[in-house]
Amino acid sequence: MKKDSTSQKSMDAKIAELRSRIDAHDRAMIRILAERRDIAKQIAQLKINSEIDLWVADRVQEIVETRVAWAKKENLDTEFIEKFFRDLIDSNMKFEERMLHRQRTS
């Protein structure tokens, strides 16, 4: 059954409103990821200056396990969350290794 023009316009407006809210949340997540990267950069610099290992396997595992537990409480896809945080940690590790390399070669 085809909806009339008025109800179709109403539905289209509601979808547009919801998509706009998703866009705002996506933007906020990007800002949060940038802030997280900046904090990780500060930690990496402290570790480099103190000659502490950049990565500790136990800490990586702790991060993944706690984020998966948080996701489970929110009924999110825990496999996705685990992959997301492992990818995020991997990206941070590569970033920190580049920082260390630049510092050693300058």
N, C-alpha and C. Protein backbone atom coordinates (compact mmCIF):
# COMPACT_ATOMS: atom_id res chain seq x y z
N MET A 1 0.85 -1.18 0.00
CA MET A 1 0.00 0.00 0.00
C MET A 1 0.89 1.25 0.00
N LYS A 2 0.62 2.14 -0.90
CA LYS A 2 1.42 3.35 -1.06
C LYS A 2 0.95 4.44 -0.10
N LYS A 3 1.90 5.11 0.54
CA LYS A 3 1.55 6.18 1.47
C LYS A 3 1.21 7.44 0.69
N ASP A 4 0.34 8.26 1.28
CA ASP A 4 0.00 9.51 0.59
C ASP A 4 1.15 10.49 0.70
N SER A 5 1.10 11.53 -0.07
CA SER A 5 2.19 12.49 -0.18
C SER A 5 2.53 13.15 1.16
N THR A 6 1.51 13.48 1.96
CA THR A 6 1.73 14.14 3.23
C THR A 6 2.47 13.23 4.21
N SER A 7 2.05 11.98 4.31
CA SER A 7 2.72 11.08 5.24
C SER A 7 4.13 10.74 4.75
N GLN A 8 4.34 10.69 3.45
CA GLN A 8 5.67 10.45 2.89
C GLN A 8 6.61 11.61 3.22
N LYS A 9 6.09 12.84 3.10
CA LYS A 9 6.91 14.01 3.44
C LYS A 9 7.24 14.03 4.92
N SER A 10 6.29 13.66 5.74
CA SER A 10 6.52 13.62 7.19
C SER A 10 7.59 12.58 7.53
N MET A 11 7.48 11.41 6.89
CA MET A 11 8.46 10.37 7.13
C MET A 11 9.85 10.80 6.64
N ASP A 12 9.91 11.41 5.47
CA ASP A 12 11.19 11.90 4.94
C ASP A 12 11.82 12.94 5.87
N ALA A 13 10.99 13.82 6.44
CA ALA A 13 11.49 14.84 7.37
C ALA A 13 12.03 14.19 8.64
N LYS A 14 11.32 13.19 9.14
CA LYS A 14 11.77 12.49 10.35
C LYS A 14 13.09 11.76 10.09
N ILE A 15 13.20 11.10 8.94
CA ILE A 15 14.45 10.42 8.58
C ILE A 15 15.59 11.43 8.48
N ALA A 16 15.33 12.57 7.84
CA ALA A 16 16.36 13.61 7.71
C ALA A 16 16.80 14.11 9.09
N GLU A 17 15.85 14.28 9.99
CA GLU A 17 16.17 14.73 11.35
C GLU A 17 17.04 13.69 12.07
N LEU A 18 16.67 12.43 11.96
CA LEU A 18 17.44 11.37 12.61
C LEU A 18 18.84 11.25 12.01
N ARG A 19 18.93 11.38 10.69
CA ARG A 19 20.25 11.34 10.05
C ARG A 19 21.12 12.50 10.51
N SER A 20 20.51 13.65 10.71
CA SER A 20 21.24 14.81 11.20
C SER A 20 21.79 14.55 12.60
N ARG A 21 21.01 13.88 13.42
CA ARG A 21 21.47 13.53 14.77
C ARG A 21 22.63 12.54 14.69
N ILE A 22 22.54 11.56 13.79
CA ILE A 22 23.65 10.62 13.60
C ILE A 22 24.91 11.38 13.17
N ASP A 23 24.76 12.31 12.23
CA ASP A 23 25.90 13.10 11.78
C ASP A 23 26.55 13.85 12.94
N ALA A 24 25.73 14.42 13.82
CA ALA A 24 26.26 15.15 14.98
C ALA A 24 27.02 14.20 15.91
N HIS A 25 26.48 13.02 16.12
CA HIS A 25 27.17 12.04 16.96
C HIS A 25 28.47 11.57 16.31
N ASP A 26 28.46 11.37 15.01
CA ASP A 26 29.69 10.97 14.32
C ASP A 26 30.76 12.05 14.47
N ARG A 27 30.36 13.31 14.34
CA ARG A 27 31.31 14.41 14.50
C ARG A 27 31.88 14.42 15.91
N ALA A 28 31.01 14.20 16.89
CA ALA A 28 31.47 14.17 18.28
C ALA A 28 32.45 13.01 18.51
N MET A 29 32.17 11.86 17.90
CA MET A 29 33.08 10.72 18.04
C MET A 29 34.45 11.04 17.44
N ILE A 30 34.46 11.75 16.31
CA ILE A 30 35.73 12.14 15.69
C ILE A 30 36.51 13.06 16.62
N ARG A 31 35.81 14.02 17.23
CA ARG A 31 36.48 14.93 18.18
C ARG A 31 37.05 14.14 19.36
N ILE A 32 36.28 13.19 19.87
CA ILE A 32 36.73 12.38 21.01
C ILE A 32 37.95 11.54 20.61
N LEU A 33 37.93 10.97 19.41
CA LEU A 33 39.08 10.20 18.95
C LEU A 33 40.32 11.08 18.84
N ALA A 34 40.14 12.32 18.37
CA ALA A 34 41.28 13.24 18.27
C ALA A 34 41.82 13.57 19.66
N GLU A 35 40.92 13.80 20.62
CA GLU A 35 41.35 14.06 21.99
C GLU A 35 42.08 12.85 22.57
N ARG A 36 41.57 11.66 22.30
CA ARG A 36 42.19 10.42 22.77
C ARG A 36 43.59 10.28 22.20
N ARG A 37 43.73 10.59 20.90
CA ARG A 37 45.05 10.52 20.26
C ARG A 37 46.02 11.50 20.91
N ASP A 38 45.54 12.70 21.22
CA ASP A 38 46.41 13.69 21.85
C ASP A 38 46.88 13.23 23.24
N ILE A 39 45.98 12.61 23.99
CA ILE A 39 46.35 12.08 25.31
C ILE A 39 47.37 10.95 25.14
N ALA A 40 47.12 10.05 24.20
CA ALA A 40 48.04 8.94 23.94
C ALA A 40 49.41 9.48 23.51
N LYS A 41 49.41 10.55 22.76
CA LYS A 41 50.68 11.17 22.33
C LYS A 41 51.45 11.68 23.54
N GLN A 42 50.76 12.29 24.51
CA GLN A 42 51.41 12.78 25.72
C GLN A 42 52.00 11.62 26.53
N ILE A 43 51.23 10.54 26.63
CA ILE A 43 51.72 9.36 27.35
C ILE A 43 52.96 8.80 26.64
N ALA A 44 52.89 8.71 25.31
CA ALA A 44 54.03 8.19 24.55
C ALA A 44 55.27 9.04 24.76
N GLN A 45 55.10 10.35 24.76
CA GLN A 45 56.26 11.24 24.96
C GLN A 45 56.87 11.03 26.33
N LEU A 46 56.03 10.87 27.34
CA LEU A 46 56.54 10.59 28.69
C LEU A 46 57.31 9.28 28.72
N LYS A 47 56.77 8.26 28.05
CA LYS A 47 57.45 6.95 28.01
C LYS A 47 58.77 7.04 27.26
N ILE A 48 58.77 7.76 26.14
CA ILE A 48 59.99 7.90 25.35
C ILE A 48 61.06 8.63 26.18
N ASN A 49 60.66 9.71 26.84
CA ASN A 49 61.61 10.47 27.65
C ASN A 49 62.14 9.67 28.82
N SER A 50 61.34 8.77 29.34
CA SER A 50 61.74 7.96 30.49
C SER A 50 62.31 6.61 30.08
N GLU A 51 62.38 6.37 28.78
CA GLU A 51 62.86 5.11 28.22
C GLU A 51 62.09 3.90 28.76
N ILE A 52 60.78 4.08 28.87
CA ILE A 52 59.87 3.01 29.28
C ILE A 52 59.33 2.36 28.01
N ASP A 53 59.07 1.05 28.07
CA ASP A 53 58.47 0.37 26.91
C ASP A 53 57.18 1.07 26.50
N LEU A 54 57.01 1.25 25.19
CA LEU A 54 55.83 1.93 24.70
C LEU A 54 54.56 1.12 24.94
N TRP A 55 54.68 -0.20 24.76
CA TRP A 55 53.48 -1.03 24.87
C TRP A 55 53.67 -2.17 25.84
N VAL A 56 52.64 -2.35 26.64
CA VAL A 56 52.62 -3.44 27.61
C VAL A 56 51.42 -4.32 27.26
N ALA A 57 51.69 -5.57 26.95
CA ALA A 57 50.63 -6.49 26.49
C ALA A 57 49.47 -6.58 27.48
N ASP A 58 49.78 -6.60 28.77
CA ASP A 58 48.71 -6.69 29.78
C ASP A 58 47.77 -5.49 29.70
N ARG A 59 48.34 -4.30 29.45
CA ARG A 59 47.51 -3.09 29.35
C ARG A 59 46.62 -3.16 28.12
N VAL A 60 47.16 -3.63 27.01
CA VAL A 60 46.37 -3.77 25.79
C VAL A 60 45.19 -4.71 26.04
N GLN A 61 45.48 -5.84 26.67
CA GLN A 61 44.42 -6.81 26.96
C GLN A 61 43.38 -6.21 27.91
N GLU A 62 43.83 -5.46 28.90
CA GLU A 62 42.92 -4.82 29.84
C GLU A 62 41.99 -3.84 29.12
N ILE A 63 42.56 -3.05 28.23
CA ILE A 63 41.75 -2.09 27.47
C ILE A 63 40.67 -2.82 26.68
N VAL A 64 41.07 -3.84 25.94
CA VAL A 64 40.13 -4.58 25.10
C VAL A 64 39.04 -5.21 25.95
N GLU A 65 39.44 -5.88 27.02
CA GLU A 65 38.45 -6.57 27.85
C GLU A 65 37.45 -5.62 28.50
N THR A 66 37.94 -4.48 29.00
CA THR A 66 37.00 -3.55 29.64
C THR A 66 36.07 -2.91 28.63
N ARG A 67 36.58 -2.58 27.46
CA ARG A 67 35.71 -1.95 26.44
C ARG A 67 34.66 -2.93 25.94
N VAL A 68 35.03 -4.19 25.80
CA VAL A 68 34.07 -5.22 25.40
C VAL A 68 33.01 -5.38 26.48
N ALA A 69 33.41 -5.35 27.74
CA ALA A 69 32.44 -5.46 28.84
C ALA A 69 31.49 -4.26 28.83
N TRP A 70 32.04 -3.06 28.61
CA TRP A 70 31.18 -1.87 28.53
C TRP A 70 30.20 -2.00 27.38
N ALA A 71 30.69 -2.49 26.24
CA ALA A 71 29.83 -2.65 25.06
C ALA A 71 28.71 -3.65 25.32
N LYS A 72 29.06 -4.71 26.01
CA LYS A 72 28.06 -5.74 26.32
C LYS A 72 26.93 -5.15 27.16
N LYS A 73 27.27 -4.32 28.14
CA LYS A 73 26.26 -3.66 28.97
C LYS A 73 25.34 -2.75 28.16
N GLU A 74 25.85 -2.24 27.05
CA GLU A 74 25.07 -1.35 26.18
C GLU A 74 24.41 -2.10 25.02
N ASN A 75 24.51 -3.43 25.06
CA ASN A 75 23.95 -4.27 23.99
C ASN A 75 24.52 -3.95 22.61
N LEU A 76 25.81 -3.66 22.58
CA LEU A 76 26.50 -3.42 21.31
C LEU A 76 27.17 -4.71 20.85
N ASP A 77 27.52 -4.73 19.59
CA ASP A 77 28.20 -5.88 18.99
C ASP A 77 29.61 -5.95 19.56
N THR A 78 29.84 -6.91 20.45
CA THR A 78 31.12 -6.99 21.14
C THR A 78 32.27 -7.36 20.21
N GLU A 79 31.99 -8.13 19.17
CA GLU A 79 33.05 -8.45 18.20
C GLU A 79 33.50 -7.19 17.48
N PHE A 80 32.55 -6.34 17.12
CA PHE A 80 32.90 -5.07 16.47
C PHE A 80 33.72 -4.19 17.41
N ILE A 81 33.28 -4.09 18.66
CA ILE A 81 33.98 -3.24 19.63
C ILE A 81 35.40 -3.76 19.87
N GLU A 82 35.55 -5.07 19.98
CA GLU A 82 36.89 -5.62 20.16
C GLU A 82 37.78 -5.28 18.97
N LYS A 83 37.27 -5.48 17.76
CA LYS A 83 38.05 -5.16 16.56
C LYS A 83 38.36 -3.65 16.50
N PHE A 84 37.36 -2.84 16.80
CA PHE A 84 37.54 -1.38 16.78
C PHE A 84 38.70 -0.97 17.70
N PHE A 85 38.67 -1.47 18.95
CA PHE A 85 39.72 -1.06 19.89
C PHE A 85 41.06 -1.68 19.57
N ARG A 86 41.08 -2.89 19.05
CA ARG A 86 42.37 -3.47 18.63
C ARG A 86 42.95 -2.65 17.47
N ASP A 87 42.10 -2.23 16.53
CA ASP A 87 42.57 -1.40 15.42
C ASP A 87 43.03 -0.03 15.93
N LEU A 88 42.29 0.54 16.87
CA LEU A 88 42.66 1.83 17.45
C LEU A 88 44.00 1.74 18.16
N ILE A 89 44.19 0.69 18.95
CA ILE A 89 45.45 0.48 19.66
C ILE A 89 46.59 0.26 18.67
N ASP A 90 46.35 -0.52 17.62
CA ASP A 90 47.36 -0.75 16.59
C ASP A 90 47.77 0.57 15.94
N SER A 91 46.80 1.40 15.65
CA SER A 91 47.08 2.71 15.05
C SER A 91 47.91 3.56 16.00
N ASN A 92 47.55 3.55 17.29
CA ASN A 92 48.33 4.30 18.27
C ASN A 92 49.76 3.77 18.38
N MET A 93 49.90 2.45 18.34
CA MET A 93 51.24 1.85 18.42
C MET A 93 52.11 2.33 17.26
N LYS A 94 51.55 2.31 16.07
CA LYS A 94 52.31 2.77 14.90
C LYS A 94 52.66 4.25 15.03
N PHE A 95 51.73 5.05 15.51
CA PHE A 95 51.97 6.48 15.71
C PHE A 95 53.11 6.69 16.71
N GLU A 96 53.08 5.95 17.82
CA GLU A 96 54.12 6.09 18.83
C GLU A 96 55.47 5.61 18.32
N GLU A 97 55.48 4.55 17.53
CA GLU A 97 56.74 4.09 16.94
C GLU A 97 57.33 5.15 16.02
N ARG A 98 56.47 5.84 15.26
CA ARG A 98 56.96 6.94 14.40
C ARG A 98 57.52 8.07 15.26
N MET A 99 56.84 8.37 16.37
CA MET A 99 57.35 9.41 17.28
C MET A 99 58.73 9.03 17.79
N LEU A 100 58.87 7.79 18.23
CA LEU A 100 60.15 7.31 18.74
C LEU A 100 61.23 7.38 17.66
N HIS A 101 60.91 6.95 16.47
CA HIS A 101 61.87 6.98 15.36
C HIS A 101 62.30 8.41 15.05
N ARG A 102 61.34 9.33 15.00
CA ARG A 102 61.68 10.74 14.72
C ARG A 102 62.58 11.31 15.80
N GLN A 103 62.29 10.96 17.04
CA GLN A 103 63.10 11.48 18.14
C GLN A 103 64.52 10.93 18.09
N ARG A 104 64.65 9.66 17.72
CA ARG A 104 65.97 9.03 17.67
C ARG A 104 66.79 9.54 16.49
N THR A 105 66.15 9.94 15.40
CA THR A 105 66.88 10.37 14.21
C THR A 105 67.07 11.88 14.15
N SER A 106 66.53 12.60 15.14
CA SER A 106 66.73 14.07 15.07
C SER A 106 67.84 14.53 15.96
